[in-house]
Amino acid sequence: MEIFSIELLDEWLGLQPRPPALMVGLDLTARSVELQTADFAGSAVHGCTINPTLFQQLVAQGGSLILSQPDLPFDPFRHTLYSTQDLYDRYDAADSLETWKQSFDYRCYRWFMDEADQVPRILTTSQAMQARLHDTAVEGAVARFVADSGRPLVGFMGGHDTPRDTVVYKTVAGLARRLTRSGLMVLTGGGPGLMEAANLGAFLAPYDDDVLDRVCAELAQAPRYDHPDWLSTAWRVKAVLLSAQSPHPSSVSLGIPTWLYGFEPPNVFATHQAKMFYNSLREDGLVTLAGAGLVIGPGNAGTVQEVFQDATQNYYRKAGVAPTPIALLGESFWSRPAAAGPDTMGRAKPLRPLLMALAGEKPKSDWTSAVLITDDVDAIAALLLKAHAPGRKTRGEIWRDCQSSLALDRATRSNP
């Protein structure tokens, strides 16, 4: 049983028998008397305030205790996702670049990375453990968020440096809006470029169609993430859209950025952010979570990596598990090495032959029909929205079923 509040702790104390528990970020001294009757065997206490008596009891009973290291810029035991306000806690659009570098987001980046060389710092064992605890806690928050939403996730990947004034940026935003309106939840890497475009499209799902054109035109005034007004322009647009209100429930989307690329500001249109330190965990999570499929726009090495991470999971999937659909937007970009232009920026990646070879290599588990390389957004939408055959599930649906079962199990044990 996962316990993140005093109310849940009281529920646990009222259970007979009491299941093992994970207690996170609580002041346990508030229930020091009641906890004297507890058995901490098999339980874990992370980042909680305890007194010497509770400490001795926990150790004697074989419980696990992990305390936070002092002077960290982050909470390693955080149990909720980040909001935009959390990441930009000291940000002021009037002094955009300077105040972003004072924000929680940038403070964590400086703690984890060597700014000059853009490589991770050499952390002590204790520091590395705290960073990994943080990512594990955030991963758990993602699992609860996805299970509670009940919506299939569609992943959008693509170039972080794709400018806002390109055709492909607006195309991706429009497709993300369409899929969000159809009941899917957009998932991205949470950064700029085509990631921002997808989160923007999801954010605009409840708005009139013509709003997308107007917003894209305003954002295009600061086209790239290294433009001095890139961030402030987005904040201004978002403020006008919200008019001091909270985002509409239909605007919900998820971003999973990483402090490995912390020199890139996270986009402000993802309503929920699961920022992590370690990119390996983040990259695998992005691809695995996207059970409804992936939309891959023109991109760089990281985007190509994500294509073949998905290919690997489809290639080795178990019998009876449907492949996750993967749609590559930009036929010339992904097929012909000579492709160039304002949207491809001369960086074509002709990976079609290898991808299709992998998809058709094992006749009994051929997944070539799950791959689409096209410029036709209607065809992409049809591929991602079509119902799966009865009795066959994607790996993403299996993952969600597991999370729902865990949530139900937790609820049952809390309320026998």
Foldseek 3Di string as FASTA:
>chain_A
DEAEDVVLVVLQLPDVPHDAYEYFQEACVVVVVSCVPPQNANHEYEQYHDDPVVVVRCVVRHHHYYHDDPPDLDALQDQAFDFLCQQQVQADLVQHPVSNCVGSLNSNLVVQADVVVLHGDDDDPNVVVSQVSSLVNLVNNVLVVCLVLVAAEEEEAAAQWQWLPDPVLLVLLQLLLVVLLVGHAYEYQQFHDNRLSNLNSQLCNVPDPCVSVVLSVQLNVQTGQPRPNNQSSQVVSVCVVQVPHDRDPSSEHEHEHESSVSVTDGHNSHRTYSYHHDVVVSLLCSLLQNFLAYEYEYYDPSSVVSLVSLLVCLLPPDPLAARGAYEYADQCLQQPQCDDDSRNPSNRHPCVVVSQCSQPVDVVRRRNVSYHYYNDSVVVSCSSPDDDDPSYGHSNVVSSVVSNVVVVVVVVSSPD
